[in-house]
C-alpha atoms as a PDB file:
ATOM      1  CA  MET A   1       0.000   0.000   0.000  1.00  0.00           C
ATOM      2  CA  THR A   2       1.165   3.564  -0.665  1.00  0.00           C
ATOM      3  CA  HIS A   3       0.821   6.467   1.736  1.00  0.00           C
ATOM      4  CA  PRO A   4       1.229  10.193   1.222  1.00  0.00           C
ATOM      5  CA  GLU A   5       4.303  11.845   2.605  1.00  0.00           C
ATOM      6  CA  PRO A   6       3.545  14.274   5.420  1.00  0.00           C
ATOM      7  CA  ASP A   7       3.921  17.933   4.548  1.00  0.00           C
ATOM      8  CA  GLY A   8       5.161  20.604   6.924  1.00  0.00           C
ATOM      9  CA  GLU A   9       1.806  20.706   8.664  1.00  0.00           C
ATOM     10  CA  SER A  10       1.414  16.931   9.116  1.00  0.00           C
ATOM     11  CA  VAL A  11       2.799  14.265  11.409  1.00  0.00           C
ATOM     12  CA  ARG A  12       3.433  10.611  10.695  1.00  0.00           C
ATOM     13  CA  LEU A  13       2.638   7.806  13.121  1.00  0.00           C
ATOM     14  CA  GLY A  14       4.220   4.867  11.376  1.00  0.00           C
ATOM     15  CA  ASP A  15       2.118   4.371   8.240  1.00  0.00           C
ATOM     16  CA  ILE A  16      -0.528   6.843   9.401  1.00  0.00           C
ATOM     17  CA  VAL A  17      -0.392  10.478   8.281  1.00  0.00           C
ATOM     18  CA  LEU A  18      -2.334  12.930  10.451  1.00  0.00           C
ATOM     19  CA  ARG A  19      -2.669  16.669  10.077  1.00  0.00           C
ATOM     20  CA  ASN A  20      -1.552  16.989  13.715  1.00  0.00           C
ATOM     21  CA  ARG A  21      -1.567  14.996  16.939  1.00  0.00           C
ATOM     22  CA  LEU A  22      -5.132  15.849  18.007  1.00  0.00           C
ATOM     23  CA  VAL A  23      -7.927  13.658  16.635  1.00  0.00           C
ATOM     24  CA  THR A  24     -11.545  13.061  17.610  1.00  0.00           C
ATOM     25  CA  SER A  25     -12.935   9.896  19.167  1.00  0.00           C
ATOM     26  CA  SER A  26     -15.485   7.622  17.534  1.00  0.00           C
ATOM     27  CA  SER A  27     -19.236   8.312  17.833  1.00  0.00           C
ATOM     28  CA  LEU A  28     -19.287  11.830  19.297  1.00  0.00           C
ATOM     29  CA  LEU A  29     -19.209  13.493  15.860  1.00  0.00           C
ATOM     30  CA  GLY A  30     -21.291  10.921  14.011  1.00  0.00           C
ATOM     31  CA  TYR A  31     -20.058  10.596  10.440  1.00  0.00           C
ATOM     32  CA  GLY A  32     -18.240  13.934  10.409  1.00  0.00           C
ATOM     33  CA  VAL A  33     -21.186  15.761   8.838  1.00  0.00           C
ATOM     34  CA  SER A  34     -24.890  16.052   9.583  1.00  0.00           C
ATOM     35  CA  ASN A  35     -27.938  15.932   7.324  1.00  0.00           C
ATOM     36  CA  ALA A  36     -29.700  18.559   9.431  1.00  0.00           C
ATOM     37  CA  ALA A  37     -28.569  22.169   9.114  1.00  0.00           C
ATOM     38  CA  LEU A  38     -30.237  23.557  12.253  1.00  0.00           C
ATOM     39  CA  VAL A  39     -29.753  20.658  14.685  1.00  0.00           C
ATOM     40  CA  PRO A  40     -26.810  18.396  13.831  1.00  0.00           C
ATOM     41  CA  TYR A  41     -28.356  15.092  14.898  1.00  0.00           C
ATOM     42  CA  GLY A  42     -25.709  12.527  15.742  1.00  0.00           C
ATOM     43  CA  MET A  43     -23.046  15.182  16.293  1.00  0.00           C
ATOM     44  CA  SER A  44     -22.165  17.177  19.377  1.00  0.00           C
ATOM     45  CA  PRO A  45     -23.435  20.756  18.916  1.00  0.00           C
ATOM     46  CA  VAL A  46     -20.008  21.903  20.103  1.00  0.00           C
ATOM     47  CA  SER A  47     -18.712  20.735  16.735  1.00  0.00           C
ATOM     48  CA  ARG A  48     -20.630  23.545  15.010  1.00  0.00           C
ATOM     49  CA  PHE A  49     -18.113  25.976  16.490  1.00  0.00           C
ATOM     50  CA  VAL A  50     -14.954  24.013  15.705  1.00  0.00           C
ATOM     51  CA  PRO A  51     -13.209  23.583  12.310  1.00  0.00           C
ATOM     52  CA  LEU A  52     -13.204  19.782  11.980  1.00  0.00           C
ATOM     53  CA  SER A  53     -10.929  19.949   8.946  1.00  0.00           C
ATOM     54  CA  GLU A  54      -8.133  21.265  11.173  1.00  0.00           C
ATOM     55  CA  PHE A  55      -8.001  18.176  13.396  1.00  0.00           C
ATOM     56  CA  GLY A  56      -5.400  15.502  12.858  1.00  0.00           C
ATOM     57  CA  ALA A  57      -8.305  13.260  11.879  1.00  0.00           C
ATOM     58  CA  VAL A  58     -12.002  12.848  12.615  1.00  0.00           C
ATOM     59  CA  THR A  59     -13.034   9.323  13.627  1.00  0.00           C
ATOM     60  CA  THR A  60     -16.440   8.185  12.425  1.00  0.00           C
ATOM     61  CA  ARG A  61     -19.125   6.397  14.348  1.00  0.00           C
ATOM     62  CA  THR A  62     -18.503   2.636  14.216  1.00  0.00           C
ATOM     63  CA  LEU A  63     -19.906   1.279  10.954  1.00  0.00           C
ATOM     64  CA  THR A  64     -21.225  -2.229  10.343  1.00  0.00           C
ATOM     65  CA  VAL A  65     -21.931  -4.206   7.167  1.00  0.00           C
ATOM     66  CA  ALA A  66     -25.706  -3.647   7.391  1.00  0.00           C
ATOM     67  CA  PRO A  67     -27.567  -0.709   8.941  1.00  0.00           C
ATOM     68  CA  ARG A  68     -27.999  -1.284  12.668  1.00  0.00           C
ATOM     69  CA  GLU A  69     -30.453   0.296  15.091  1.00  0.00           C
ATOM     70  CA  GLY A  70     -28.546  -0.958  18.128  1.00  0.00           C
ATOM     71  CA  HIS A  71     -30.212   0.318  21.305  1.00  0.00           C
ATOM     72  CA  PHE A  72     -31.037   3.695  19.752  1.00  0.00           C
ATOM     73  CA  THR A  73     -31.989   4.718  16.208  1.00  0.00           C
ATOM     74  CA  THR A  74     -30.414   5.503  12.854  1.00  0.00           C
ATOM     75  CA  ARG A  75     -32.972   8.227  12.178  1.00  0.00           C
ATOM     76  CA  ASP A  76     -31.516  11.725  11.754  1.00  0.00           C
ATOM     77  CA  ASP A  77     -34.504  13.707  10.471  1.00  0.00           C
ATOM     78  CA  TRP A  78     -36.219  14.582  13.755  1.00  0.00           C
ATOM     79  CA  PRO A  79     -38.348  17.737  13.504  1.00  0.00           C
ATOM     80  CA  LEU A  80     -38.267  20.082  16.485  1.00  0.00           C
ATOM     81  CA  ARG A  81     -41.777  19.053  17.556  1.00  0.00           C
ATOM     82  CA  GLU A  82     -40.453  15.543  18.167  1.00  0.00           C
ATOM     83  CA  LEU A  83     -37.476  16.709  20.214  1.00  0.00           C
ATOM     84  CA  PRO A  84     -38.997  15.522  23.540  1.00  0.00           C
ATOM     85  CA  ALA A  85     -39.345  12.002  22.111  1.00  0.00           C
ATOM     86  CA  LEU A  86     -35.741  12.093  20.929  1.00  0.00           C
ATOM     87  CA  LEU A  87     -34.533  13.187  24.369  1.00  0.00           C
ATOM     88  CA  ARG A  88     -36.454  10.323  25.977  1.00  0.00           C
ATOM     89  CA  ARG A  89     -34.670   7.927  23.657  1.00  0.00           C
ATOM     90  CA  TYR A  90     -31.336   9.447  24.581  1.00  0.00           C
ATOM     91  CA  ALA A  91     -32.089   8.921  28.266  1.00  0.00           C
ATOM     92  CA  THR A  92     -32.125   5.139  27.683  1.00  0.00           C
ATOM     93  CA  VAL A  93     -28.657   5.071  26.091  1.00  0.00           C
ATOM     94  CA  LEU A  94     -26.729   8.071  27.437  1.00  0.00           C
ATOM     95  CA  ARG A  95     -26.582   9.277  31.035  1.00  0.00           C
ATOM     96  CA  GLY A  96     -24.222  11.554  32.895  1.00  0.00           C
ATOM     97  CA  THR A  97     -22.659   9.989  35.963  1.00  0.00           C
ATOM     98  CA  ASP A  98     -19.986  10.870  38.510  1.00  0.00           C
ATOM     99  CA  GLY A  99     -17.139  12.372  36.524  1.00  0.00           C
ATOM    100  CA  GLY A 100     -18.215  10.898  33.211  1.00  0.00           C
ATOM    101  CA  TRP A 101     -20.850   9.407  30.941  1.00  0.00           C
ATOM    102  CA  LEU A 102     -22.491   6.022  30.547  1.00  0.00           C
ATOM    103  CA  ASN A 103     -23.585   5.070  27.049  1.00  0.00           C
ATOM    104  CA  ALA A 104     -24.998   2.006  25.332  1.00  0.00           C
ATOM    105  CA  PHE A 105     -25.865   3.047  21.791  1.00  0.00           C
ATOM    106  CA  GLY A 106     -24.989  -0.445  20.588  1.00  0.00           C
ATOM    107  CA  TRP A 107     -23.338   0.521  17.306  1.00  0.00           C
ATOM    108  CA  CYS A 108     -26.399   2.236  15.851  1.00  0.00           C
ATOM    109  CA  ASN A 109     -25.320   3.326  12.376  1.00  0.00           C
ATOM    110  CA  VAL A 110     -26.492   3.636   8.770  1.00  0.00           C
ATOM    111  CA  GLY A 111     -24.217   0.875   7.508  1.00  0.00           C
ATOM    112  CA  ILE A 112     -20.983   1.068   5.537  1.00  0.00           C
ATOM    113  CA  ASP A 113     -22.636   1.419   2.107  1.00  0.00           C
ATOM    114  CA  ALA A 114     -24.783   4.388   3.114  1.00  0.00           C
ATOM    115  CA  TYR A 115     -21.834   6.048   4.829  1.00  0.00           C
ATOM    116  CA  LEU A 116     -19.570   5.722   1.805  1.00  0.00           C
ATOM    117  CA  ARG A 117     -22.345   6.913  -0.528  1.00  0.00           C
ATOM    118  CA  ASP A 118     -24.021   9.693   1.477  1.00  0.00           C
ATOM    119  CA  TYR A 119     -21.554  10.978   4.062  1.00  0.00           C
ATOM    120  CA  TYR A 120     -17.921  10.343   3.158  1.00  0.00           C
ATOM    121  CA  PRO A 121     -18.015  12.423  -0.065  1.00  0.00           C
ATOM    122  CA  ARG A 122     -19.049  15.447   2.014  1.00  0.00           C
ATOM    123  CA  THR A 123     -16.102  15.128   4.397  1.00  0.00           C
ATOM    124  CA  ARG A 124     -13.268  15.113   1.871  1.00  0.00           C
ATOM    125  CA  ASP A 125     -11.872  18.299   3.450  1.00  0.00           C
ATOM    126  CA  GLN A 126     -11.321  16.341   6.670  1.00  0.00           C
ATOM    127  CA  ARG A 127      -8.692  13.741   7.446  1.00  0.00           C
ATOM    128  CA  THR A 128     -10.752  10.687   8.371  1.00  0.00           C
ATOM    129  CA  ILE A 129     -10.401   7.533  10.434  1.00  0.00           C
ATOM    130  CA  ILE A 130     -13.215   5.129   9.538  1.00  0.00           C
ATOM    131  CA  SER A 131     -14.275   3.007  12.516  1.00  0.00           C
ATOM    132  CA  LEU A 132     -15.421  -0.507  11.611  1.00  0.00           C
ATOM    133  CA  GLY A 133     -17.294  -3.042  13.731  1.00  0.00           C
ATOM    134  CA  GLY A 134     -18.411  -6.619  13.153  1.00  0.00           C
ATOM    135  CA  PHE A 135     -19.103  -9.950  14.817  1.00  0.00           C
ATOM    136  CA  SER A 136     -16.850 -12.176  12.700  1.00  0.00           C
ATOM    137  CA  ALA A 137     -13.661 -12.038  10.703  1.00  0.00           C
ATOM    138  CA  GLU A 138     -15.767 -12.331   7.544  1.00  0.00           C
ATOM    139  CA  GLU A 139     -17.674  -9.158   8.428  1.00  0.00           C
ATOM    140  CA  PHE A 140     -14.464  -7.236   9.028  1.00  0.00           C
ATOM    141  CA  VAL A 141     -13.056  -8.471   5.721  1.00  0.00           C
ATOM    142  CA  THR A 142     -16.222  -7.277   3.956  1.00  0.00           C
ATOM    143  CA  LEU A 143     -15.978  -3.874   5.635  1.00  0.00           C
ATOM    144  CA  VAL A 144     -12.304  -3.443   4.759  1.00  0.00           C
ATOM    145  CA  GLU A 145     -12.911  -4.427   1.133  1.00  0.00           C
ATOM    146  CA  LYS A 146     -15.842  -2.019   0.814  1.00  0.00           C
ATOM    147  CA  VAL A 147     -13.627   0.815   2.058  1.00  0.00           C
ATOM    148  CA  ASN A 148     -10.862  -0.293  -0.327  1.00  0.00           C
ATOM    149  CA  ALA A 149     -13.272  -0.174  -3.267  1.00  0.00           C
ATOM    150  CA  ALA A 150     -14.650   3.281  -2.450  1.00  0.00           C
ATOM    151  CA  VAL A 151     -11.619   5.109  -1.039  1.00  0.00           C
ATOM    152  CA  PRO A 152      -8.234   5.228  -2.826  1.00  0.00           C
ATOM    153  CA  ALA A 153      -5.185   4.438  -0.727  1.00  0.00           C
ATOM    154  CA  GLY A 154      -3.962   7.560   1.046  1.00  0.00           C
ATOM    155  CA  ASP A 155      -7.287   9.407   0.938  1.00  0.00           C
ATOM    156  CA  ILE A 156      -8.048   8.603   4.590  1.00  0.00           C
ATOM    157  CA  ALA A 157      -5.765   8.362   7.591  1.00  0.00           C
ATOM    158  CA  ALA A 158      -6.728   4.816   8.573  1.00  0.00           C
ATOM    159  CA  VAL A 159      -9.466   2.348   9.371  1.00  0.00           C
ATOM    160  CA  GLU A 160      -9.998   1.561  13.045  1.00  0.00           C
ATOM    161  CA  LEU A 161     -11.114  -1.935  14.025  1.00  0.00           C
ATOM    162  CA  ASN A 162     -13.486  -1.718  16.986  1.00  0.00           C
ATOM    163  CA  VAL A 163     -13.070  -5.217  18.387  1.00  0.00           C
ATOM    164  CA  SER A 164     -13.625  -4.196  22.009  1.00  0.00           C
ATOM    165  CA  CYS A 165     -17.062  -2.559  22.454  1.00  0.00           C
ATOM    166  CA  HIS A 166     -19.121  -3.641  25.479  1.00  0.00           C
ATOM    167  CA  ASN A 167     -22.420  -2.243  24.263  1.00  0.00           C
ATOM    168  CA  VAL A 168     -23.140  -4.983  21.725  1.00  0.00           C
ATOM    169  CA  ASN A 169     -22.951  -7.864  24.236  1.00  0.00           C
ATOM    170  CA  PHE A 170     -20.386  -9.913  22.360  1.00  0.00           C
ATOM    171  CA  ASP A 171     -17.125 -11.604  23.341  1.00  0.00           C
ATOM    172  CA  PHE A 172     -14.636 -10.155  20.869  1.00  0.00           C
ATOM    173  CA  SER A 173     -11.730 -12.102  22.311  1.00  0.00           C
ATOM    174  CA  ALA A 174     -13.081 -15.157  20.491  1.00  0.00           C
ATOM    175  CA  ILE A 175     -12.618 -13.561  17.062  1.00  0.00           C
ATOM    176  CA  LEU A 176      -9.762 -11.086  17.513  1.00  0.00           C
ATOM    177  CA  GLN A 177      -6.968 -13.260  16.130  1.00  0.00           C
ATOM    178  CA  ASP A 178      -9.025 -14.243  13.095  1.00  0.00           C
ATOM    179  CA  VAL A 179      -9.897 -10.597  12.464  1.00  0.00           C
ATOM    180  CA  LEU A 180      -6.225  -9.632  12.614  1.00  0.00           C
ATOM    181  CA  ASP A 181      -5.139 -12.534  10.398  1.00  0.00           C
ATOM    182  CA  GLU A 182      -7.809 -12.050   7.730  1.00  0.00           C
ATOM    183  CA  ALA A 183      -8.815  -8.381   7.664  1.00  0.00           C
ATOM    184  CA  VAL A 184      -5.551  -6.527   8.305  1.00  0.00           C
ATOM    185  CA  PRO A 185      -3.642  -7.914   5.258  1.00  0.00           C
ATOM    186  CA  ARG A 186      -6.559  -7.021   2.974  1.00  0.00           C
ATOM    187  CA  SER A 187      -6.712  -3.352   3.933  1.00  0.00           C
ATOM    188  CA  ALA A 188      -5.407  -0.807   1.442  1.00  0.00           C
ATOM    189  CA  HIS A 189      -5.298   1.652   4.344  1.00  0.00           C
ATOM    190  CA  PRO A 190      -3.361   1.638   7.623  1.00  0.00           C
ATOM    191  CA  VAL A 191      -5.192  -0.255  10.366  1.00  0.00           C
ATOM    192  CA  ILE A 192      -5.672   0.866  13.973  1.00  0.00           C
ATOM    193  CA  LEU A 193      -6.764  -1.598  16.658  1.00  0.00           C
ATOM    194  CA  LYS A 194      -8.932  -0.173  19.438  1.00  0.00           C
ATOM    195  CA  LEU A 195      -8.074  -1.643  22.833  1.00  0.00           C
ATOM    196  CA  SER A 196     -10.319  -2.123  25.849  1.00  0.00           C
ATOM    197  CA  PRO A 197      -9.005  -1.936  29.423  1.00  0.00           C
ATOM    198  CA  ASP A 198     -11.419  -4.784  30.228  1.00  0.00           C
ATOM    199  CA  TYR A 199      -9.674  -7.245  27.905  1.00  0.00           C
ATOM    200  CA  ASP A 200      -6.051  -8.434  27.929  1.00  0.00           C
ATOM    201  CA  TYR A 201      -4.808  -5.287  26.230  1.00  0.00           C
ATOM    202  CA  LEU A 202      -1.127  -6.138  26.565  1.00  0.00           C
ATOM    203  CA  ARG A 203      -1.632  -9.430  24.768  1.00  0.00           C
ATOM    204  CA  ASN A 204      -3.977  -7.820  22.243  1.00  0.00           C
ATOM    205  CA  ALA A 205      -1.357  -5.160  21.465  1.00  0.00           C
ATOM    206  CA  GLN A 206       1.278  -7.835  20.894  1.00  0.00           C
ATOM    207  CA  GLN A 207      -1.108  -9.711  18.608  1.00  0.00           C
ATOM    208  CA  ALA A 208      -1.731  -6.489  16.692  1.00  0.00           C
ATOM    209  CA  ALA A 209       1.977  -5.830  16.210  1.00  0.00           C
ATOM    210  CA  LYS A 210       2.567  -9.322  14.825  1.00  0.00           C
ATOM    211  CA  ALA A 211      -0.403  -8.944  12.437  1.00  0.00           C
ATOM    212  CA  GLY A 212       0.878  -5.725  10.868  1.00  0.00           C
ATOM    213  CA  VAL A 213      -1.463  -3.255  12.567  1.00  0.00           C
ATOM    214  CA  SER A 214      -0.175   0.308  12.192  1.00  0.00           C
ATOM    215  CA  ALA A 215      -1.292   1.818  15.521  1.00  0.00           C
ATOM    216  CA  LEU A 216      -3.379   1.333  18.638  1.00  0.00           C
ATOM    217  CA  THR A 217      -6.215   3.355  20.142  1.00  0.00           C
ATOM    218  CA  ALA A 218      -6.156   3.227  23.934  1.00  0.00           C
ATOM    219  CA  ILE A 219      -8.685   3.096  25.418  1.00  0.00           C
ATOM    220  CA  ASN A 220     -12.246   2.121  24.574  1.00  0.00           C
ATOM    221  CA  THR A 221     -14.880   2.785  27.232  1.00  0.00           C
ATOM    222  CA  VAL A 222     -14.868   0.884  30.521  1.00  0.00           C
ATOM    223  CA  LYS A 223     -17.736  -1.540  31.161  1.00  0.00           C
ATOM    224  CA  ALA A 224     -19.906  -0.081  33.909  1.00  0.00           C
ATOM    225  CA  LEU A 225     -23.308  -0.125  35.586  1.00  0.00           C
ATOM    226  CA  ARG A 226     -25.582   2.340  37.393  1.00  0.00           C
ATOM    227  CA  LEU A 227     -28.890   1.498  39.060  1.00  0.00           C
ATOM    228  CA  ASP A 228     -31.776   3.641  40.238  1.00  0.00           C
ATOM    229  CA  PRO A 229     -31.259   3.582  44.041  1.00  0.00           C
ATOM    230  CA  ARG A 230     -35.020   3.571  44.654  1.00  0.00           C
ATOM    231  CA  THR A 231     -36.038   0.768  42.308  1.00  0.00           C
ATOM    232  CA  GLY A 232     -32.870  -1.091  41.342  1.00  0.00           C
ATOM    233  CA  THR A 233     -33.686  -0.506  37.671  1.00  0.00           C
ATOM    234  CA  PRO A 234     -30.630  -0.103  35.414  1.00  0.00           C
ATOM    235  CA  TRP A 235     -30.142   3.384  34.069  1.00  0.00           C
ATOM    236  CA  LEU A 236     -29.559   2.111  30.544  1.00  0.00           C
ATOM    237  CA  ALA A 237     -31.764  -0.065  28.357  1.00  0.00           C
ATOM    238  CA  ASN A 238     -28.807  -2.419  27.841  1.00  0.00           C
ATOM    239  CA  ARG A 239     -28.201  -2.648  31.640  1.00  0.00           C
ATOM    240  CA  TYR A 240     -24.436  -2.325  31.227  1.00  0.00           C
ATOM    241  CA  GLY A 241     -22.838   0.533  29.361  1.00  0.00           C
ATOM    242  CA  GLY A 242     -19.490   2.037  28.498  1.00  0.00           C
ATOM    243  CA  LEU A 243     -18.083   4.588  30.947  1.00  0.00           C
ATOM    244  CA  SER A 244     -16.210   7.497  29.362  1.00  0.00           C
ATOM    245  CA  GLY A 245     -15.149  10.983  30.385  1.00  0.00           C
ATOM    246  CA  ARG A 246     -13.015  12.429  33.155  1.00  0.00           C
ATOM    247  CA  ALA A 247     -13.526   9.413  35.417  1.00  0.00           C
ATOM    248  CA  ILE A 248     -11.499   7.099  33.176  1.00  0.00           C
ATOM    249  CA  LYS A 249      -8.527   9.376  32.518  1.00  0.00           C
ATOM    250  CA  PRO A 250      -6.359   7.674  35.201  1.00  0.00           C
ATOM    251  CA  ILE A 251      -7.216   4.305  33.651  1.00  0.00           C
ATOM    252  CA  GLY A 252      -6.329   5.511  30.171  1.00  0.00           C
ATOM    253  CA  LEU A 253      -3.018   6.892  31.384  1.00  0.00           C
ATOM    254  CA  ARG A 254      -2.251   3.615  33.154  1.00  0.00           C
ATOM    255  CA  VAL A 255      -2.979   1.549  30.048  1.00  0.00           C
ATOM    256  CA  VAL A 256      -0.813   3.730  27.794  1.00  0.00           C
ATOM    257  CA  SER A 257       2.034   3.630  30.304  1.00  0.00           C
ATOM    258  CA  GLU A 258       1.752  -0.143  30.775  1.00  0.00           C
ATOM    259  CA  LEU A 259       1.816  -0.689  27.023  1.00  0.00           C
ATOM    260  CA  ARG A 260       5.089   1.214  26.816  1.00  0.00           C
ATOM    261  CA  ASP A 261       6.499  -0.509  29.895  1.00  0.00           C
ATOM    262  CA  ALA A 262       5.688  -3.865  28.252  1.00  0.00           C
ATOM    263  CA  GLY A 263       7.778  -2.938  25.221  1.00  0.00           C
ATOM    264  CA  VAL A 264       4.936  -2.153  22.809  1.00  0.00           C
ATOM    265  CA  THR A 265       6.393   0.131  20.141  1.00  0.00           C
ATOM    266  CA  LEU A 266       3.346   0.700  17.909  1.00  0.00           C
ATOM    267  CA  PRO A 267       2.107   4.298  17.797  1.00  0.00           C
ATOM    268  CA  ILE A 268      -0.632   4.922  20.375  1.00  0.00           C
ATOM    269  CA  ILE A 269      -3.599   7.270  19.975  1.00  0.00           C
ATOM    270  CA  ALA A 270      -4.736   7.938  23.536  1.00  0.00           C
ATOM    271  CA  THR A 271      -8.291   8.703  24.541  1.00  0.00           C
ATOM    272  CA  GLY A 272     -10.068   8.881  27.860  1.00  0.00           C
ATOM    273  CA  GLY A 273     -11.063  11.992  29.784  1.00  0.00           C
ATOM    274  CA  ILE A 274      -9.114  14.480  27.670  1.00  0.00           C
ATOM    275  CA  ARG A 275     -10.342  18.066  27.857  1.00  0.00           C
ATOM    276  CA  THR A 276      -7.366  20.379  28.395  1.00  0.00           C
ATOM    277  CA  VAL A 277      -3.850  20.930  27.113  1.00  0.00           C
ATOM    278  CA  ASN A 278      -2.516  19.532  30.391  1.00  0.00           C
ATOM    279  CA  ASP A 279      -4.509  16.326  29.811  1.00  0.00           C
ATOM    280  CA  CYS A 280      -2.842  15.990  26.426  1.00  0.00           C
ATOM    281  CA  ARG A 281       0.562  16.631  27.941  1.00  0.00           C
ATOM    282  CA  GLU A 282       0.038  13.886  30.547  1.00  0.00           C
ATOM    283  CA  TYR A 283      -0.813  11.363  27.866  1.00  0.00           C
ATOM    284  CA  PHE A 284       2.225  12.355  25.818  1.00  0.00           C
ATOM    285  CA  TRP A 285       4.445  11.855  28.872  1.00  0.00           C
ATOM    286  CA  ALA A 286       2.790   8.463  29.471  1.00  0.00           C
ATOM    287  CA  GLY A 287       3.829   7.370  25.983  1.00  0.00           C
ATOM    288  CA  ALA A 288       1.077   8.410  23.576  1.00  0.00           C
ATOM    289  CA  ASP A 289       1.894   9.671  20.082  1.00  0.00           C
ATOM    290  CA  ALA A 290      -1.466  11.391  19.533  1.00  0.00           C
ATOM    291  CA  VAL A 291      -4.497  12.210  21.666  1.00  0.00           C
ATOM    292  CA  SER A 292      -8.209  12.034  20.982  1.00  0.00           C
ATOM    293  CA  LEU A 293     -11.061  14.199  22.260  1.00  0.00           C
ATOM    294  CA  GLY A 294     -14.128  12.246  23.391  1.00  0.00           C
ATOM    295  CA  SER A 295     -17.094  12.775  25.686  1.00  0.00           C
ATOM    296  CA  ALA A 296     -15.179  14.878  28.215  1.00  0.00           C
ATOM    297  CA  THR A 297     -14.981  17.531  25.492  1.00  0.00           C
ATOM    298  CA  TRP A 298     -17.959  17.027  23.214  1.00  0.00           C
ATOM    299  CA  LEU A 299     -20.549  16.400  25.944  1.00  0.00           C
ATOM    300  CA  ALA A 300     -19.094  18.906  28.407  1.00  0.00           C
ATOM    301  CA  SER A 301     -22.039  21.334  28.164  1.00  0.00           C
ATOM    302  CA  TYR A 302     -24.826  18.757  27.835  1.00  0.00           C
ATOM    303  CA  PRO A 303     -27.803  19.147  28.253  1.00  0.00           C
ATOM    304  CA  GLY A 304     -28.916  22.157  26.343  1.00  0.00           C
ATOM    305  CA  TYR A 305     -25.507  23.074  24.919  1.00  0.00           C
ATOM    306  CA  LEU A 306     -26.088  26.717  25.751  1.00  0.00           C
ATOM    307  CA  LEU A 307     -22.364  27.001  26.362  1.00  0.00           C
ATOM    308  CA  ALA A 308     -21.449  25.289  23.089  1.00  0.00           C
ATOM    309  CA  PRO A 309     -19.881  28.435  21.539  1.00  0.00           C
ATOM    310  CA  LEU A 310     -17.642  28.860  24.591  1.00  0.00           C
ATOM    311  CA  ARG A 311     -16.778  25.174  24.553  1.00  0.00           C
ATOM    312  CA  GLY A 312     -15.881  25.558  20.900  1.00  0.00           C
ATOM    313  CA  LEU A 313     -13.431  28.345  21.750  1.00  0.00           C
ATOM    314  CA  HIS A 314     -11.844  26.096  24.367  1.00  0.00           C
ATOM    315  CA  VAL A 315     -11.446  23.247  21.867  1.00  0.00           C
ATOM    316  CA  ARG A 316      -9.838  25.651  19.407  1.00  0.00           C
ATOM    317  CA  ARG A 317      -7.281  26.644  22.062  1.00  0.00           C
ATOM    318  CA  VAL A 318      -6.433  23.004  22.737  1.00  0.00           C
ATOM    319  CA  LEU A 319      -6.119  22.373  19.006  1.00  0.00           C
ATOM    320  CA  ARG A 320      -3.739  25.311  18.539  1.00  0.00           C
ATOM    321  CA  ALA A 321      -1.576  24.129  21.424  1.00  0.00           C
ATOM    322  CA  VAL A 322      -1.354  20.491  20.290  1.00  0.00           C
ATOM    323  CA  ARG A 323      -0.577  21.498  16.707  1.00  0.00           C
ATOM    324  CA  ARG A 324       2.732  22.829  18.041  1.00  0.00           C
ATOM    325  CA  TYR A 325       3.749  19.302  19.039  1.00  0.00           C
ATOM    326  CA  ARG A 326       5.609  18.451  15.826  1.00  0.00           C
ATOM    327  CA  THR A 327       7.859  16.105  17.794  1.00  0.00           C
ATOM    328  CA  LEU A 328       7.403  14.766  21.306  1.00  0.00           C
ATOM    329  CA  PRO A 329       9.834  15.068  24.214  1.00  0.00           C
ATOM    330  CA  PRO A 330      11.384  11.842  25.491  1.00  0.00           C
ATOM    331  CA  ARG A 331       9.258   9.965  27.960  1.00  0.00           C
ATOM    332  CA  PRO A 332      10.637  10.393  31.501  1.00  0.00           C
ATOM    333  CA  ALA A 333      12.002   7.284  33.192  1.00  0.00           C
ATOM    334  CA  PRO A 334       9.461   5.850  35.669  1.00  0.00           C
ATOM    335  CA  SER A 335      10.324   6.260  39.322  1.00  0.00           C
ATOM    336  CA  ARG A 336      10.349   3.135  41.434  1.00  0.00           C
END
């Protein structure tokens, strides 16, 4: 496979060329563009006040072979009169909790064909990481080949294999090696493996390196549960959900550091609780090569998003600061 050479405004993580070291996490910005001009369904309203084309890359919502409702909906044409119904749906799959967010959308998405036909052509000004999800090696091979057929090599930053999501109630450890063996060699684009702190991430990273994966995303959300203290009813329709946000930042930092301590040399895109320049700096010191903004940033002013313009200004400041990281300082030796 061929890859573009980075220009003066780009950075290279192995085979992956990014515009800079700050990317966006999967799901929070949908497919990188919305079908609704007034209310960007599927995208954080904060994104309306941020130039997405200036990020290192924008990661899509996880895409499957066929359209998938998951625990939510693929619909994105909600009129304002139906907004209360939409918010009630959200309450079953997304809830704020202590220092973070619980979600269980369950990979709701329009499917890879619809994305490549209706959304990707409108995001050509962005650098893109296409997130892919499936329940077998065959599905991942199909997804990779569909991206190969629609997107010339070098036109996107990478594809990310989401083989670690808790919200679809599936044991990915049973298929991971087959996915790596069969899907990675077929990709015309660099491949990123997304790691979960709830699986054997050190072993998974070593498997990825042997299979020719170009980079790792660390970490996916942490499996979690909240119950109504009066009734014992789970907060989420799926019972368990993925915990993200500020609460998991220490876990994300630990995982990145442990990967480096274990001798993993693949580039790492770190995500988990990142909101400020200091958060980014901590992850770089821990051993990350790039950092990704997730729910701690894009859901920071939920609900209502009345502060979205101010949040957008904050994101712009973080982006300007991280763009100055052309190279990274050496990682300090751990103290014992």
